[in-house]
C-alpha atoms as a PDB file:
ATOM      1  CA  MET A   1      -8.105 -39.095 -24.564  1.00  0.00           C
ATOM      2  CA  TYR A   2      -8.119 -42.344 -22.070  1.00  0.00           C
ATOM      3  CA  ILE A   3     -10.750 -45.141 -24.222  1.00  0.00           C
ATOM      4  CA  ALA A   4     -11.709 -47.805 -21.676  1.00  0.00           C
ATOM      5  CA  THR A   5     -10.683 -51.297 -24.046  1.00  0.00           C
ATOM      6  CA  ASN A   6     -11.915 -53.676 -20.811  1.00  0.00           C
ATOM      7  CA  GLU A   7      -8.627 -55.135 -20.377  1.00  0.00           C
ATOM      8  CA  ASP A   8      -9.542 -57.864 -18.204  1.00  0.00           C
ATOM      9  CA  LEU A   9      -7.956 -57.351 -14.387  1.00  0.00           C
ATOM     10  CA  THR A  10     -10.740 -58.432 -12.367  1.00  0.00           C
ATOM     11  CA  SER A  11     -11.530 -62.100 -12.300  1.00  0.00           C
ATOM     12  CA  ARG A  12     -14.877 -63.214 -13.879  1.00  0.00           C
ATOM     13  CA  SER A  13     -15.252 -66.282 -12.040  1.00  0.00           C
ATOM     14  CA  SER A  14     -17.698 -64.639  -9.137  1.00  0.00           C
ATOM     15  CA  ILE A  15     -19.923 -63.649 -12.163  1.00  0.00           C
ATOM     16  CA  ILE A  16     -19.796 -67.218 -13.306  1.00  0.00           C
ATOM     17  CA  ASN A  17     -20.739 -68.404 -10.092  1.00  0.00           C
ATOM     18  CA  ILE A  18     -23.920 -66.807  -9.173  1.00  0.00           C
ATOM     19  CA  LEU A  19     -25.518 -67.682 -12.346  1.00  0.00           C
ATOM     20  CA  PRO A  20     -28.222 -70.779 -11.928  1.00  0.00           C
ATOM     21  CA  GLN A  21     -26.827 -73.813 -12.190  1.00  0.00           C
ATOM     22  CA  SER A  22     -28.660 -74.790 -15.291  1.00  0.00           C
ATOM     23  CA  LEU A  23     -27.269 -71.722 -17.247  1.00  0.00           C
ATOM     24  CA  LYS A  24     -23.604 -72.076 -16.300  1.00  0.00           C
ATOM     25  CA  ARG A  25     -23.098 -74.794 -18.530  1.00  0.00           C
ATOM     26  CA  TYR A  26     -23.733 -72.741 -21.688  1.00  0.00           C
ATOM     27  CA  MET A  27     -21.367 -69.850 -19.936  1.00  0.00           C
ATOM     28  CA  TYR A  28     -18.228 -72.050 -20.277  1.00  0.00           C
ATOM     29  CA  THR A  29     -17.077 -70.974 -23.633  1.00  0.00           C
ATOM     30  CA  ILE A  30     -18.408 -67.383 -23.801  1.00  0.00           C
ATOM     31  CA  ASN A  31     -15.707 -64.845 -23.445  1.00  0.00           C
ATOM     32  CA  LEU A  32     -16.366 -61.823 -20.534  1.00  0.00           C
ATOM     33  CA  ASP A  33     -13.343 -59.775 -20.946  1.00  0.00           C
ATOM     34  CA  GLU A  34     -14.961 -56.882 -22.911  1.00  0.00           C
ATOM     35  CA  ALA A  35     -18.619 -57.793 -21.528  1.00  0.00           C
ATOM     36  CA  GLU A  36     -20.470 -54.448 -19.909  1.00  0.00           C
ATOM     37  CA  GLU A  37     -23.239 -56.289 -18.558  1.00  0.00           C
ATOM     38  CA  ILE A  38     -25.303 -59.533 -18.283  1.00  0.00           C
ATOM     39  CA  ARG A  39     -29.472 -58.883 -18.677  1.00  0.00           C
ATOM     40  CA  MET A  40     -31.724 -61.875 -17.614  1.00  0.00           C
ATOM     41  CA  ILE A  41     -35.545 -60.608 -17.985  1.00  0.00           C
ATOM     42  CA  GLN A  42     -37.980 -62.980 -16.877  1.00  0.00           C
ATOM     43  CA  GLY A  43     -39.416 -64.712 -20.011  1.00  0.00           C
ATOM     44  CA  LYS A  44     -37.207 -63.162 -22.237  1.00  0.00           C
ATOM     45  CA  PRO A  45     -33.670 -64.488 -23.850  1.00  0.00           C
ATOM     46  CA  MET A  46     -30.837 -64.030 -21.623  1.00  0.00           C
ATOM     47  CA  TYR A  47     -28.121 -61.628 -23.134  1.00  0.00           C
ATOM     48  CA  ILE A  48     -24.623 -59.803 -23.320  1.00  0.00           C
ATOM     49  CA  ARG A  49     -23.917 -56.478 -23.699  1.00  0.00           C
ATOM     50  CA  TYR A  50     -20.356 -55.793 -25.275  1.00  0.00           C
ATOM     51  CA  PRO A  51     -19.369 -52.391 -26.471  1.00  0.00           C
ATOM     52  CA  ASP A  52     -20.033 -53.440 -30.158  1.00  0.00           C
ATOM     53  CA  GLY A  53     -23.904 -54.697 -29.126  1.00  0.00           C
ATOM     54  CA  ASP A  54     -26.100 -56.874 -27.951  1.00  0.00           C
ATOM     55  CA  TYR A  55     -25.494 -61.261 -28.241  1.00  0.00           C
ATOM     56  CA  PHE A  56     -27.573 -63.988 -27.425  1.00  0.00           C
ATOM     57  CA  ILE A  57     -26.372 -66.884 -25.705  1.00  0.00           C
ATOM     58  CA  THR A  58     -27.991 -70.060 -27.974  1.00  0.00           C
ATOM     59  CA  GLN A  59     -28.379 -73.801 -26.906  1.00  0.00           C
ATOM     60  CA  LYS A  60     -25.249 -74.699 -27.980  1.00  0.00           C
ATOM     61  CA  GLY A  61     -23.335 -72.536 -25.472  1.00  0.00           C
ATOM     62  CA  ILE A  62     -22.478 -69.766 -28.603  1.00  0.00           C
ATOM     63  CA  LEU A  63     -23.037 -66.173 -29.460  1.00  0.00           C
ATOM     64  CA  SER A  64     -26.014 -64.931 -31.790  1.00  0.00           C
ATOM     65  CA  ARG A  65     -27.384 -61.587 -32.480  1.00  0.00           C
ATOM     66  CA  ASP A  66     -30.804 -63.147 -33.428  1.00  0.00           C
ATOM     67  CA  ALA A  67     -32.980 -63.413 -29.905  1.00  0.00           C
ATOM     68  CA  LYS A  68     -35.104 -66.029 -31.484  1.00  0.00           C
ATOM     69  CA  ASN A  69     -31.884 -68.354 -30.410  1.00  0.00           C
ATOM     70  CA  GLY A  70     -31.325 -67.239 -26.934  1.00  0.00           C
ATOM     71  CA  LEU A  71     -31.882 -69.133 -23.773  1.00  0.00           C
ATOM     72  CA  CYS A  72     -35.212 -68.252 -22.373  1.00  0.00           C
ATOM     73  CA  ILE A  73     -34.901 -66.916 -18.362  1.00  0.00           C
ATOM     74  CA  GLN A  74     -37.625 -68.530 -16.405  1.00  0.00           C
ATOM     75  CA  LYS A  75     -38.768 -67.745 -12.878  1.00  0.00           C
ATOM     76  CA  LYS A  76     -36.684 -70.551 -11.256  1.00  0.00           C
ATOM     77  CA  HIS A  77     -33.576 -69.129 -13.185  1.00  0.00           C
ATOM     78  CA  ILE A  78     -34.558 -65.417 -11.108  1.00  0.00           C
ATOM     79  CA  ASP A  79     -35.469 -67.239  -7.760  1.00  0.00           C
ATOM     80  CA  GLU A  80     -32.155 -69.247  -7.902  1.00  0.00           C
ATOM     81  CA  MET A  81     -29.825 -66.588  -8.764  1.00  0.00           C
ATOM     82  CA  LEU A  82     -31.427 -64.334  -5.884  1.00  0.00           C
ATOM     83  CA  GLU A  83     -30.176 -66.866  -3.281  1.00  0.00           C
ATOM     84  CA  LYS A  84     -26.727 -67.213  -4.695  1.00  0.00           C
ATOM     85  CA  ILE A  85     -26.323 -63.365  -4.597  1.00  0.00           C
ATOM     86  CA  THR A  86     -28.179 -62.671  -1.091  1.00  0.00           C
ATOM     87  CA  CYS A  87     -25.798 -66.024   0.182  1.00  0.00           C
ATOM     88  CA  SER A  88     -29.483 -67.349   0.981  1.00  0.00           C
ATOM     89  CA  SER A  89     -29.992 -64.241   3.178  1.00  0.00           C
ATOM     90  CA  LEU A  90     -32.318 -61.277   1.533  1.00  0.00           C
ATOM     91  CA  TYR A  91     -32.271 -59.525   5.316  1.00  0.00           C
ATOM     92  CA  SER A  92     -28.608 -59.136   5.235  1.00  0.00           C
ATOM     93  CA  VAL A  93     -28.679 -57.022   2.099  1.00  0.00           C
ATOM     94  CA  LYS A  94     -32.531 -55.496   2.344  1.00  0.00           C
ATOM     95  CA  ASP A  95     -31.070 -52.229   2.410  1.00  0.00           C
ATOM     96  CA  GLU A  96     -29.319 -52.839  -0.890  1.00  0.00           C
ATOM     97  CA  ILE A  97     -31.804 -54.755  -2.524  1.00  0.00           C
ATOM     98  CA  LYS A  98     -34.516 -51.334  -1.423  1.00  0.00           C
ATOM     99  CA  ASN A  99     -31.976 -49.263  -3.355  1.00  0.00           C
ATOM    100  CA  GLY A 100     -31.871 -51.841  -6.577  1.00  0.00           C
ATOM    101  CA  TYR A 101     -29.215 -53.413  -6.638  1.00  0.00           C
ATOM    102  CA  VAL A 102     -26.522 -55.689  -4.780  1.00  0.00           C
ATOM    103  CA  THR A 103     -22.906 -55.881  -4.845  1.00  0.00           C
ATOM    104  CA  ILE A 104     -21.218 -59.141  -5.485  1.00  0.00           C
ATOM    105  CA  LYS A 105     -17.567 -60.396  -5.013  1.00  0.00           C
ATOM    106  CA  GLY A 106     -15.470 -58.742  -7.479  1.00  0.00           C
ATOM    107  CA  GLY A 107     -17.036 -55.463  -7.307  1.00  0.00           C
ATOM    108  CA  HIS A 108     -20.268 -56.361  -9.691  1.00  0.00           C
ATOM    109  CA  ARG A 109     -23.246 -54.992  -9.120  1.00  0.00           C
ATOM    110  CA  VAL A 110     -26.152 -56.964  -9.873  1.00  0.00           C
ATOM    111  CA  GLY A 111     -29.390 -54.729 -10.491  1.00  0.00           C
ATOM    112  CA  ILE A 112     -32.635 -55.708  -9.626  1.00  0.00           C
ATOM    113  CA  ALA A 113     -36.488 -54.737 -10.950  1.00  0.00           C
ATOM    114  CA  GLY A 114     -39.699 -56.123  -9.968  1.00  0.00           C
ATOM    115  CA  THR A 115     -42.228 -54.988  -7.439  1.00  0.00           C
ATOM    116  CA  ALA A 116     -41.454 -51.780  -4.999  1.00  0.00           C
ATOM    117  CA  VAL A 117     -42.975 -52.366  -1.401  1.00  0.00           C
ATOM    118  CA  THR A 118     -43.336 -48.686  -0.281  1.00  0.00           C
ATOM    119  CA  ASP A 119     -44.665 -46.699   3.243  1.00  0.00           C
ATOM    120  CA  ARG A 120     -44.885 -43.280   2.968  1.00  0.00           C
ATOM    121  CA  ASP A 121     -43.321 -42.849  -0.144  1.00  0.00           C
ATOM    122  CA  ASN A 122     -40.224 -44.460   0.595  1.00  0.00           C
ATOM    123  CA  VAL A 123     -38.883 -47.739  -1.111  1.00  0.00           C
ATOM    124  CA  GLU A 124     -39.222 -50.765   1.857  1.00  0.00           C
ATOM    125  CA  PHE A 125     -38.120 -53.474  -0.387  1.00  0.00           C
ATOM    126  CA  ILE A 126     -38.690 -54.982  -4.172  1.00  0.00           C
ATOM    127  CA  LYS A 127     -40.793 -57.981  -4.347  1.00  0.00           C
ATOM    128  CA  ASN A 128     -41.781 -60.310  -7.481  1.00  0.00           C
ATOM    129  CA  ILE A 129     -38.304 -59.497  -8.926  1.00  0.00           C
ATOM    130  CA  SER A 130     -38.060 -59.900 -12.249  1.00  0.00           C
ATOM    131  CA  THR A 131     -35.415 -58.845 -13.893  1.00  0.00           C
ATOM    132  CA  MET A 132     -31.415 -58.728 -13.304  1.00  0.00           C
ATOM    133  CA  THR A 133     -28.897 -57.315 -14.752  1.00  0.00           C
ATOM    134  CA  VAL A 134     -25.185 -57.726 -13.597  1.00  0.00           C
ATOM    135  CA  ARG A 135     -22.860 -54.446 -14.312  1.00  0.00           C
ATOM    136  CA  ILE A 136     -19.195 -56.312 -14.898  1.00  0.00           C
ATOM    137  CA  ALA A 137     -16.924 -54.235 -12.820  1.00  0.00           C
ATOM    138  CA  THR A 138     -13.447 -53.285 -14.638  1.00  0.00           C
ATOM    139  CA  GLU A 139     -10.131 -52.154 -13.363  1.00  0.00           C
ATOM    140  CA  ILE A 140      -7.737 -50.658 -15.906  1.00  0.00           C
ATOM    141  CA  ILE A 141      -4.428 -49.907 -14.191  1.00  0.00           C
ATOM    142  CA  GLY A 142      -3.314 -46.868 -15.576  1.00  0.00           C
ATOM    143  CA  ALA A 143      -6.711 -45.138 -16.860  1.00  0.00           C
ATOM    144  CA  SER A 144      -6.181 -41.596 -15.167  1.00  0.00           C
ATOM    145  CA  ASP A 145      -2.176 -41.757 -16.196  1.00  0.00           C
ATOM    146  CA  CYS A 146      -3.340 -38.454 -18.739  1.00  0.00           C
ATOM    147  CA  ILE A 147      -5.389 -36.369 -16.551  1.00  0.00           C
ATOM    148  CA  ILE A 148      -3.763 -37.332 -13.675  1.00  0.00           C
ATOM    149  CA  GLY A 149      -1.845 -34.150 -13.964  1.00  0.00           C
ATOM    150  CA  ASP A 150      -4.916 -31.683 -14.276  1.00  0.00           C
ATOM    151  CA  ILE A 151      -6.052 -32.709 -10.645  1.00  0.00           C
ATOM    152  CA  CYS A 152      -2.821 -33.050  -8.707  1.00  0.00           C
ATOM    153  CA  ASP A 153       0.097 -31.023  -9.277  1.00  0.00           C
ATOM    154  CA  GLY A 154       1.480 -29.949  -6.380  1.00  0.00           C
ATOM    155  CA  GLU A 155      -1.869 -29.860  -4.561  1.00  0.00           C
ATOM    156  CA  ILE A 156      -4.731 -31.698  -5.080  1.00  0.00           C
ATOM    157  CA  ARG A 157      -7.877 -29.835  -7.219  1.00  0.00           C
ATOM    158  CA  ASN A 158     -11.281 -30.386  -6.387  1.00  0.00           C
ATOM    159  CA  THR A 159     -12.502 -32.614  -9.469  1.00  0.00           C
ATOM    160  CA  LEU A 160     -16.200 -33.653 -10.860  1.00  0.00           C
ATOM    161  CA  ILE A 161     -15.930 -36.425 -13.043  1.00  0.00           C
ATOM    162  CA  VAL A 162     -19.431 -36.373 -15.420  1.00  0.00           C
ATOM    163  CA  SER A 163     -20.817 -39.104 -17.430  1.00  0.00           C
ATOM    164  CA  PRO A 164     -23.984 -40.973 -18.475  1.00  0.00           C
ATOM    165  CA  PRO A 165     -24.356 -44.197 -17.450  1.00  0.00           C
ATOM    166  CA  GLY A 166     -22.032 -47.042 -18.416  1.00  0.00           C
ATOM    167  CA  CYS A 167     -19.045 -44.644 -19.540  1.00  0.00           C
ATOM    168  CA  GLY A 168     -16.068 -45.318 -17.390  1.00  0.00           C
ATOM    169  CA  LYS A 169     -16.705 -42.826 -15.010  1.00  0.00           C
ATOM    170  CA  THR A 170     -15.964 -45.272 -11.579  1.00  0.00           C
ATOM    171  CA  THR A 171     -13.340 -47.026 -13.481  1.00  0.00           C
ATOM    172  CA  LEU A 172     -11.596 -43.987 -14.079  1.00  0.00           C
ATOM    173  CA  LEU A 173     -12.188 -42.828 -10.371  1.00  0.00           C
ATOM    174  CA  ARG A 174     -10.924 -45.665  -8.978  1.00  0.00           C
ATOM    175  CA  ASP A 175      -7.669 -45.115 -11.192  1.00  0.00           C
ATOM    176  CA  ILE A 176      -7.704 -41.847  -9.871  1.00  0.00           C
ATOM    177  CA  VAL A 177      -7.508 -43.086  -6.273  1.00  0.00           C
ATOM    178  CA  ARG A 178      -4.777 -45.290  -7.220  1.00  0.00           C
ATOM    179  CA  ASN A 179      -2.399 -42.621  -8.621  1.00  0.00           C
ATOM    180  CA  ILE A 180      -3.100 -39.899  -5.637  1.00  0.00           C
ATOM    181  CA  SER A 181      -2.510 -42.529  -2.858  1.00  0.00           C
ATOM    182  CA  ASN A 182       0.382 -43.577  -4.278  1.00  0.00           C
ATOM    183  CA  ASN A 183       1.844 -40.462  -4.931  1.00  0.00           C
ATOM    184  CA  GLY A 184       1.944 -39.941  -1.028  1.00  0.00           C
ATOM    185  CA  TYR A 185      -1.741 -38.289  -0.428  1.00  0.00           C
ATOM    186  CA  CYS A 186      -4.120 -39.361   1.995  1.00  0.00           C
ATOM    187  CA  VAL A 187      -7.161 -40.423   0.452  1.00  0.00           C
ATOM    188  CA  ALA A 188     -10.699 -41.645   1.858  1.00  0.00           C
ATOM    189  CA  VAL A 189     -13.466 -43.052  -0.078  1.00  0.00           C
ATOM    190  CA  ALA A 190     -17.105 -42.637   0.876  1.00  0.00           C
ATOM    191  CA  ASP A 191     -18.164 -45.949  -0.713  1.00  0.00           C
ATOM    192  CA  GLU A 192     -22.105 -45.599  -0.687  1.00  0.00           C
ATOM    193  CA  ARG A 193     -22.754 -48.242  -3.214  1.00  0.00           C
ATOM    194  CA  CYS A 194     -20.076 -50.556  -2.039  1.00  0.00           C
ATOM    195  CA  GLU A 195     -19.063 -49.983  -6.078  1.00  0.00           C
ATOM    196  CA  ILE A 196     -15.542 -48.614  -5.725  1.00  0.00           C
ATOM    197  CA  ALA A 197     -13.768 -50.583  -3.656  1.00  0.00           C
ATOM    198  CA  ALA A 198     -16.216 -53.864  -3.366  1.00  0.00           C
ATOM    199  CA  MET A 199     -14.824 -54.770   0.107  1.00  0.00           C
ATOM    200  CA  HIS A 200     -14.612 -58.439   0.647  1.00  0.00           C
ATOM    201  CA  ASN A 201     -13.666 -59.399   4.428  1.00  0.00           C
ATOM    202  CA  GLY A 202     -11.534 -55.783   4.784  1.00  0.00           C
ATOM    203  CA  GLU A 203      -9.886 -55.888   1.365  1.00  0.00           C
ATOM    204  CA  SER A 204     -10.654 -53.973  -1.746  1.00  0.00           C
ATOM    205  CA  ALA A 205     -11.029 -56.166  -4.712  1.00  0.00           C
ATOM    206  CA  PHE A 206      -9.002 -53.498  -6.523  1.00  0.00           C
ATOM    207  CA  GLU A 207      -5.998 -51.503  -6.434  1.00  0.00           C
ATOM    208  CA  LEU A 208      -6.951 -48.510  -4.428  1.00  0.00           C
ATOM    209  CA  GLY A 209      -3.186 -47.855  -3.358  1.00  0.00           C
ATOM    210  CA  ASP A 210      -1.473 -47.619   0.082  1.00  0.00           C
ATOM    211  CA  ARG A 211      -2.795 -44.572   1.463  1.00  0.00           C
ATOM    212  CA  THR A 212      -6.379 -45.160   1.193  1.00  0.00           C
ATOM    213  CA  ALA A 213      -9.281 -45.943   3.813  1.00  0.00           C
ATOM    214  CA  VAL A 214     -12.868 -47.163   3.111  1.00  0.00           C
ATOM    215  CA  LEU A 215     -15.752 -46.530   4.627  1.00  0.00           C
ATOM    216  CA  GLU A 216     -18.870 -48.519   2.741  1.00  0.00           C
ATOM    217  CA  ASN A 217     -21.991 -49.457   2.363  1.00  0.00           C
ATOM    218  CA  CYS A 218     -23.131 -45.834   4.116  1.00  0.00           C
ATOM    219  CA  PRO A 219     -24.702 -43.125   2.819  1.00  0.00           C
ATOM    220  CA  LYS A 220     -22.277 -40.876   1.060  1.00  0.00           C
ATOM    221  CA  GLN A 221     -23.131 -37.147   3.280  1.00  0.00           C
ATOM    222  CA  TYR A 222     -22.832 -39.164   6.297  1.00  0.00           C
ATOM    223  CA  ALA A 223     -19.733 -41.224   5.238  1.00  0.00           C
ATOM    224  CA  MET A 224     -18.130 -37.883   3.665  1.00  0.00           C
ATOM    225  CA  THR A 225     -18.185 -35.976   7.091  1.00  0.00           C
ATOM    226  CA  THR A 226     -17.127 -38.998   9.583  1.00  0.00           C
ATOM    227  CA  LEU A 227     -14.329 -39.817   7.179  1.00  0.00           C
ATOM    228  CA  LEU A 228     -13.310 -36.066   7.251  1.00  0.00           C
ATOM    229  CA  ARG A 229     -13.377 -36.217  11.206  1.00  0.00           C
ATOM    230  CA  SER A 230     -11.797 -39.799  11.558  1.00  0.00           C
ATOM    231  CA  MET A 231      -8.745 -40.061   8.632  1.00  0.00           C
ATOM    232  CA  SER A 232      -7.382 -36.568   8.575  1.00  0.00           C
ATOM    233  CA  PRO A 233      -7.399 -37.350   4.708  1.00  0.00           C
ATOM    234  CA  ASP A 234      -6.136 -34.817   1.996  1.00  0.00           C
ATOM    235  CA  VAL A 235      -8.764 -35.874  -0.342  1.00  0.00           C
ATOM    236  CA  ILE A 236     -12.171 -37.410   0.066  1.00  0.00           C
ATOM    237  CA  VAL A 237     -13.036 -39.438  -2.987  1.00  0.00           C
ATOM    238  CA  THR A 238     -17.023 -40.365  -3.775  1.00  0.00           C
ATOM    239  CA  ASP A 239     -19.416 -41.370  -6.145  1.00  0.00           C
ATOM    240  CA  GLU A 240     -22.779 -40.170  -7.951  1.00  0.00           C
ATOM    241  CA  LEU A 241     -23.446 -36.592  -6.448  1.00  0.00           C
ATOM    242  CA  GLY A 242     -27.030 -35.410  -6.926  1.00  0.00           C
ATOM    243  CA  GLU A 243     -28.932 -35.013  -3.947  1.00  0.00           C
ATOM    244  CA  ASP A 244     -29.355 -31.597  -1.882  1.00  0.00           C
ATOM    245  CA  LYS A 245     -27.622 -33.149   1.082  1.00  0.00           C
ATOM    246  CA  ASP A 246     -24.733 -33.303  -0.795  1.00  0.00           C
ATOM    247  CA  VAL A 247     -23.803 -29.744  -1.328  1.00  0.00           C
ATOM    248  CA  GLN A 248     -23.468 -29.188   2.548  1.00  0.00           C
ATOM    249  CA  ALA A 249     -21.423 -32.201   2.700  1.00  0.00           C
ATOM    250  CA  VAL A 250     -19.164 -30.767  -0.269  1.00  0.00           C
ATOM    251  CA  SER A 251     -18.950 -27.630   0.761  1.00  0.00           C
ATOM    252  CA  LYS A 252     -18.006 -28.597   4.857  1.00  0.00           C
ATOM    253  CA  ILE A 253     -14.774 -30.837   3.433  1.00  0.00           C
ATOM    254  CA  ILE A 254     -13.865 -28.216   0.571  1.00  0.00           C
ATOM    255  CA  ASN A 255     -14.186 -25.309   3.723  1.00  0.00           C
ATOM    256  CA  SER A 256     -12.172 -27.769   5.961  1.00  0.00           C
ATOM    257  CA  GLY A 257      -9.041 -27.546   3.242  1.00  0.00           C
ATOM    258  CA  VAL A 258      -9.834 -31.130   2.397  1.00  0.00           C
ATOM    259  CA  GLY A 259      -9.787 -31.821  -1.554  1.00  0.00           C
ATOM    260  CA  VAL A 260     -12.883 -33.724  -2.976  1.00  0.00           C
ATOM    261  CA  ILE A 261     -12.819 -35.857  -6.140  1.00  0.00           C
ATOM    262  CA  ALA A 262     -16.061 -37.055  -7.178  1.00  0.00           C
ATOM    263  CA  THR A 263     -18.531 -38.081 -10.178  1.00  0.00           C
ATOM    264  CA  ALA A 264     -22.070 -37.131 -11.215  1.00  0.00           C
ATOM    265  CA  HIS A 265     -24.539 -38.549 -13.519  1.00  0.00           C
ATOM    266  CA  GLY A 266     -25.111 -36.275 -16.601  1.00  0.00           C
ATOM    267  CA  LYS A 267     -24.078 -35.351 -20.616  1.00  0.00           C
ATOM    268  CA  ASN A 268     -22.614 -32.483 -20.015  1.00  0.00           C
ATOM    269  CA  THR A 269     -22.045 -29.566 -17.667  1.00  0.00           C
ATOM    270  CA  GLU A 270     -24.640 -27.641 -19.674  1.00  0.00           C
ATOM    271  CA  GLN A 271     -27.225 -30.226 -18.665  1.00  0.00           C
ATOM    272  CA  LEU A 272     -26.326 -30.276 -15.030  1.00  0.00           C
ATOM    273  CA  ARG A 273     -26.508 -26.859 -14.356  1.00  0.00           C
ATOM    274  CA  LYS A 274     -30.219 -26.910 -15.280  1.00  0.00           C
ATOM    275  CA  LYS A 275     -30.763 -28.430 -12.105  1.00  0.00           C
ATOM    276  CA  GLN A 276     -30.893 -26.423  -8.770  1.00  0.00           C
ATOM    277  CA  VAL A 277     -28.283 -28.834  -6.984  1.00  0.00           C
ATOM    278  CA  PHE A 278     -25.805 -28.923  -9.363  1.00  0.00           C
ATOM    279  CA  SER A 279     -25.884 -24.904  -9.684  1.00  0.00           C
ATOM    280  CA  GLU A 280     -24.340 -25.042  -5.991  1.00  0.00           C
ATOM    281  CA  LEU A 281     -22.088 -27.844  -6.439  1.00  0.00           C
ATOM    282  CA  LEU A 282     -20.434 -26.738  -9.922  1.00  0.00           C
ATOM    283  CA  PRO A 283     -18.869 -23.689  -9.023  1.00  0.00           C
ATOM    284  CA  MET A 284     -17.169 -25.979  -5.993  1.00  0.00           C
ATOM    285  CA  PHE A 285     -14.984 -27.772  -8.341  1.00  0.00           C
ATOM    286  CA  ASP A 286     -11.504 -26.509  -9.822  1.00  0.00           C
ATOM    287  CA  VAL A 287     -11.522 -29.336 -12.591  1.00  0.00           C
ATOM    288  CA  ILE A 288     -14.721 -30.850 -14.460  1.00  0.00           C
ATOM    289  CA  ILE A 289     -14.110 -34.147 -16.401  1.00  0.00           C
ATOM    290  CA  THR A 290     -16.830 -34.881 -19.228  1.00  0.00           C
ATOM    291  CA  LEU A 291     -16.604 -38.713 -20.229  1.00  0.00           C
ATOM    292  CA  SER A 292     -18.561 -40.325 -23.279  1.00  0.00           C
ATOM    293  CA  LYS A 293     -19.199 -43.380 -25.336  1.00  0.00           C
ATOM    294  CA  ARG A 294     -18.093 -42.227 -28.287  1.00  0.00           C
ATOM    295  CA  ASN A 295     -14.748 -43.615 -29.074  1.00  0.00           C
ATOM    296  CA  GLY A 296     -15.908 -46.506 -26.834  1.00  0.00           C
ATOM    297  CA  ALA A 297     -16.189 -46.133 -22.816  1.00  0.00           C
ATOM    298  CA  GLY A 298     -13.878 -43.853 -20.782  1.00  0.00           C
ATOM    299  CA  THR A 299     -13.676 -40.922 -23.862  1.00  0.00           C
ATOM    300  CA  ILE A 300     -12.703 -37.887 -22.743  1.00  0.00           C
ATOM    301  CA  GLU A 301     -14.966 -35.119 -24.435  1.00  0.00           C
ATOM    302  CA  ARG A 302     -13.512 -32.100 -22.244  1.00  0.00           C
ATOM    303  CA  ILE A 303     -11.843 -31.148 -19.474  1.00  0.00           C
ATOM    304  CA  GLU A 304     -12.934 -27.603 -17.953  1.00  0.00           C
ATOM    305  CA  LYS A 305     -10.873 -25.810 -15.252  1.00  0.00           C
ATOM    306  CA  GLN A 306     -12.342 -23.434 -13.601  1.00  0.00           C
ATOM    307  CA  CYS A 307      -9.922 -21.483 -11.719  1.00  0.00           C
END
């Protein structure tokens, strides 16, 4: 069983740097090693989510369970943080913002909520931003060691990791990439959300192995087929399948003799099978790994082998 303990192998300094200046001074005494999220909602107290629950930050720079002691987030805090995460250029990250997040250095992802600007049912932008949630990225070297034999035993088995949000599937996926890459396989990562590799100046924020190529910030269906043509991979890895276009892309890759390792949001395979897209996707995978937070994020509930 793999239980993510959030042993901190990723620098938290990039998180402190994006916070509003007036809030920074309260954060220097706060231990973020086991933190999962920092949530800022305009007009409400700022809080940090840990495995054992939510804690508010007081005027004394300590953690409290009591919301009334928490630092209240104002519009100026949201505006200043937006300036920092976009480097004062909203246009440069407009495609990320319309999808509801911005990825920052270190692989951390800042979720955004506000008023959507739409055009023919398509979200073009998000304005009047009132909420920001920093999802803290975690790297755990060795997280996949106990399951790598189920995925790679002489050949790559097509593998799907299933879990609700916040259960460690991306953390586990990163370490699978590192493991199979360092075992001699050419790996290509289709990183649509810039979350698996979190590239910065051409280098990944995480250890992904010696034989791993990454195509990020690109729709995963296009990225997967492009990597298939251009990188001659043994396996293609991507995050969060769930669209109709994914069926065609995954089928094309597998029929080309290349392996696929991916993740999907869901409580379990029974829930996924109720969705049309997964009724087509699930039979394509040889191994399905289900995660939960029952004993902490990353708890392996079940490993299903379909061949």
